[in-house]
């Protein structure tokens, strides 16, 4: 049974019992945290700022 089918069955049962319907699948999920690549770029920039060295991208200096 898929998650959608289970939700439909739960919603049907709750209406038969006079209870509120359950939330749709995925509505209570948390938003994912930043992707790892974004986090890695942020940490690299932060470390460069702390050591006062320019950030490099593939061997080239970038403006920060």
N, C-alpha and C. Protein backbone atom coordinates (compact mmCIF):
# COMPACT_ATOMS: atom_id res chain seq x y z
N UNK A 1 0.86 -1.18 0.00
CA UNK A 1 0.00 0.00 0.00
C UNK A 1 0.90 1.24 0.00
N UNK A 2 0.58 2.16 -0.88
CA UNK A 2 1.40 3.37 -0.96
C UNK A 2 0.99 4.36 0.14
N UNK A 3 1.79 5.36 0.31
CA UNK A 3 1.51 6.38 1.34
C UNK A 3 0.24 7.16 1.01
N UNK A 4 -0.01 7.36 -0.29
CA UNK A 4 -1.22 8.07 -0.71
C UNK A 4 -2.46 7.24 -0.41
N UNK A 5 -2.39 5.94 -0.71
CA UNK A 5 -3.51 5.06 -0.42
C UNK A 5 -3.78 4.99 1.08
N UNK A 6 -2.73 4.94 1.88
CA UNK A 6 -2.89 4.91 3.32
C UNK A 6 -3.54 6.20 3.83
N UNK A 7 -3.15 7.32 3.27
CA UNK A 7 -3.74 8.60 3.66
C UNK A 7 -5.23 8.65 3.32
N UNK A 8 -5.58 8.16 2.14
CA UNK A 8 -7.00 8.14 1.74
C UNK A 8 -7.80 7.25 2.68
N UNK A 9 -7.26 6.10 3.03
CA UNK A 9 -7.93 5.19 3.95
C UNK A 9 -8.09 5.83 5.33
N UNK A 10 -7.04 6.47 5.82
CA UNK A 10 -7.10 7.15 7.13
C UNK A 10 -8.11 8.30 7.11
N UNK A 11 -8.16 9.04 6.01
CA UNK A 11 -9.12 10.13 5.90
C UNK A 11 -10.55 9.60 5.88
N UNK A 12 -10.77 8.49 5.18
CA UNK A 12 -12.10 7.88 5.14
C UNK A 12 -12.52 7.41 6.54
N UNK A 13 -11.62 6.73 7.22
CA UNK A 13 -11.93 6.24 8.57
C UNK A 13 -12.23 7.39 9.53
N UNK A 14 -11.47 8.46 9.42
CA UNK A 14 -11.68 9.58 10.34
C UNK A 14 -13.03 10.26 10.09
N UNK A 15 -13.46 10.35 8.82
CA UNK A 15 -14.77 10.94 8.56
C UNK A 15 -15.89 10.03 9.05
N UNK A 16 -15.70 8.72 8.97
CA UNK A 16 -16.70 7.78 9.47
C UNK A 16 -16.85 7.87 10.99
N UNK A 17 -15.76 8.18 11.67
CA UNK A 17 -15.77 8.28 13.13
C UNK A 17 -16.06 9.69 13.63
N UNK A 18 -16.15 10.65 12.71
CA UNK A 18 -16.41 12.03 13.10
C UNK A 18 -15.19 12.74 13.65
N UNK A 19 -14.02 12.26 13.31
CA UNK A 19 -12.76 12.86 13.76
C UNK A 19 -12.20 13.77 12.67
N UNK A 20 -11.30 14.68 13.03
CA UNK A 20 -10.68 15.51 11.98
C UNK A 20 -9.77 14.66 11.09
N UNK A 21 -9.68 15.05 9.84
CA UNK A 21 -8.85 14.31 8.88
C UNK A 21 -7.37 14.49 9.22
N UNK A 22 -6.56 13.46 8.97
CA UNK A 22 -5.12 13.58 9.21
C UNK A 22 -4.49 14.51 8.18
N UNK A 23 -3.33 15.08 8.50
CA UNK A 23 -2.66 15.95 7.52
C UNK A 23 -2.18 15.14 6.31
N UNK A 24 -2.09 15.80 5.19
CA UNK A 24 -1.60 15.13 3.98
C UNK A 24 -0.15 14.72 4.16
N UNK A 25 0.28 13.66 3.50
CA UNK A 25 1.66 13.22 3.63
C UNK A 25 2.64 14.31 3.21
N UNK A 26 3.66 14.52 4.01
CA UNK A 26 4.70 15.49 3.69
C UNK A 26 4.46 16.88 4.23
N UNK A 27 3.27 17.18 4.75
CA UNK A 27 3.01 18.53 5.23
C UNK A 27 3.72 18.81 6.55
N UNK A 28 4.03 17.77 7.30
CA UNK A 28 4.69 17.97 8.59
C UNK A 28 6.21 17.81 8.48
N UNK A 29 6.70 17.51 7.29
CA UNK A 29 8.14 17.35 7.11
C UNK A 29 8.84 18.68 7.27
N UNK A 30 10.02 18.61 7.80
CA UNK A 30 10.82 19.83 7.94
C UNK A 30 11.50 20.15 6.63
N UNK A 31 11.78 21.42 6.46
CA UNK A 31 12.51 21.87 5.28
C UNK A 31 13.96 21.38 5.41
N UNK A 32 14.52 20.84 4.33
CA UNK A 32 15.90 20.37 4.44
C UNK A 32 16.86 21.52 4.71
N UNK A 33 17.92 21.21 5.39
CA UNK A 33 18.95 22.19 5.67
C UNK A 33 19.68 22.48 4.37
N UNK A 34 20.49 23.53 4.35
CA UNK A 34 21.20 23.89 3.12
C UNK A 34 21.93 22.69 2.53
N UNK A 35 22.05 22.68 1.20
CA UNK A 35 22.85 21.61 0.59
C UNK A 35 24.30 21.69 1.06
N UNK A 36 24.98 20.58 1.05
CA UNK A 36 26.34 20.53 1.56
C UNK A 36 27.29 21.45 0.80
N UNK A 37 27.08 21.58 -0.51
CA UNK A 37 27.99 22.42 -1.30
C UNK A 37 27.88 23.88 -0.86
N UNK A 38 26.68 24.33 -0.56
CA UNK A 38 26.49 25.70 -0.10
C UNK A 38 27.15 25.89 1.25
N UNK A 39 27.00 24.91 2.12
CA UNK A 39 27.62 24.97 3.44
C UNK A 39 29.15 24.99 3.32
N UNK A 40 29.68 24.18 2.42
CA UNK A 40 31.12 24.13 2.23
C UNK A 40 31.65 25.48 1.73
N UNK A 41 30.93 26.12 0.79
CA UNK A 41 31.35 27.43 0.31
C UNK A 41 31.32 28.47 1.42
N UNK A 42 30.30 28.42 2.25
CA UNK A 42 30.19 29.36 3.36
C UNK A 42 31.33 29.17 4.34
N UNK A 43 31.63 27.93 4.67
CA UNK A 43 32.73 27.66 5.60
C UNK A 43 34.08 28.07 5.03
N UNK A 44 34.27 27.85 3.72
CA UNK A 44 35.52 28.26 3.08
C UNK A 44 35.68 29.78 3.13
N UNK A 45 34.61 30.49 2.84
CA UNK A 45 34.66 31.95 2.88
C UNK A 45 34.90 32.45 4.29
N UNK A 46 34.28 31.81 5.26
CA UNK A 46 34.46 32.21 6.66
C UNK A 46 35.90 31.98 7.12
N UNK A 47 36.44 30.83 6.76
CA UNK A 47 37.84 30.55 7.15
C UNK A 47 38.80 31.52 6.46
N UNK A 48 38.53 31.85 5.21
CA UNK A 48 39.38 32.81 4.49
C UNK A 48 39.31 34.18 5.14
N UNK A 49 38.13 34.56 5.59
CA UNK A 49 37.98 35.86 6.24
C UNK A 49 38.72 35.88 7.57
N UNK A 50 38.70 34.79 8.28
CA UNK A 50 39.40 34.73 9.57
C UNK A 50 40.90 34.78 9.41
N UNK A 51 41.40 34.16 8.37
CA UNK A 51 42.85 34.14 8.16
C UNK A 51 43.31 35.29 7.27
N UNK A 52 42.36 36.10 6.78
CA UNK A 52 42.62 37.26 5.93
C UNK A 52 43.34 36.90 4.64
N UNK A 53 43.01 35.73 4.10
CA UNK A 53 43.54 35.34 2.80
C UNK A 53 42.42 35.40 1.78
N UNK A 54 42.71 35.77 0.55
CA UNK A 54 41.65 35.79 -0.47
C UNK A 54 41.19 34.37 -0.80
N UNK A 55 39.92 34.28 -1.09
CA UNK A 55 39.34 33.01 -1.48
C UNK A 55 39.76 32.69 -2.90
N UNK A 56 39.98 31.45 -3.21
CA UNK A 56 40.31 31.07 -4.59
C UNK A 56 39.28 30.09 -5.11
N UNK A 57 39.03 30.20 -6.38
CA UNK A 57 38.13 29.29 -7.06
C UNK A 57 38.90 28.65 -8.19
N UNK A 58 39.22 27.39 -8.08
CA UNK A 58 39.98 26.68 -9.11
C UNK A 58 41.28 27.42 -9.45
N UNK A 59 41.98 27.90 -8.45
CA UNK A 59 43.26 28.55 -8.67
C UNK A 59 43.19 30.03 -8.99
N UNK A 60 42.01 30.58 -9.14
CA UNK A 60 41.87 32.02 -9.44
C UNK A 60 41.40 32.73 -8.20
N UNK A 61 41.91 33.93 -7.99
CA UNK A 61 41.45 34.73 -6.86
C UNK A 61 40.10 35.34 -7.18
N UNK A 62 39.27 35.47 -6.17
CA UNK A 62 37.95 36.07 -6.35
C UNK A 62 37.86 37.29 -5.47
N UNK A 63 36.98 38.18 -5.82
CA UNK A 63 36.75 39.37 -5.02
C UNK A 63 35.78 39.03 -3.90
N UNK A 64 36.14 39.34 -2.68
CA UNK A 64 35.25 39.05 -1.54
C UNK A 64 34.92 40.33 -0.82
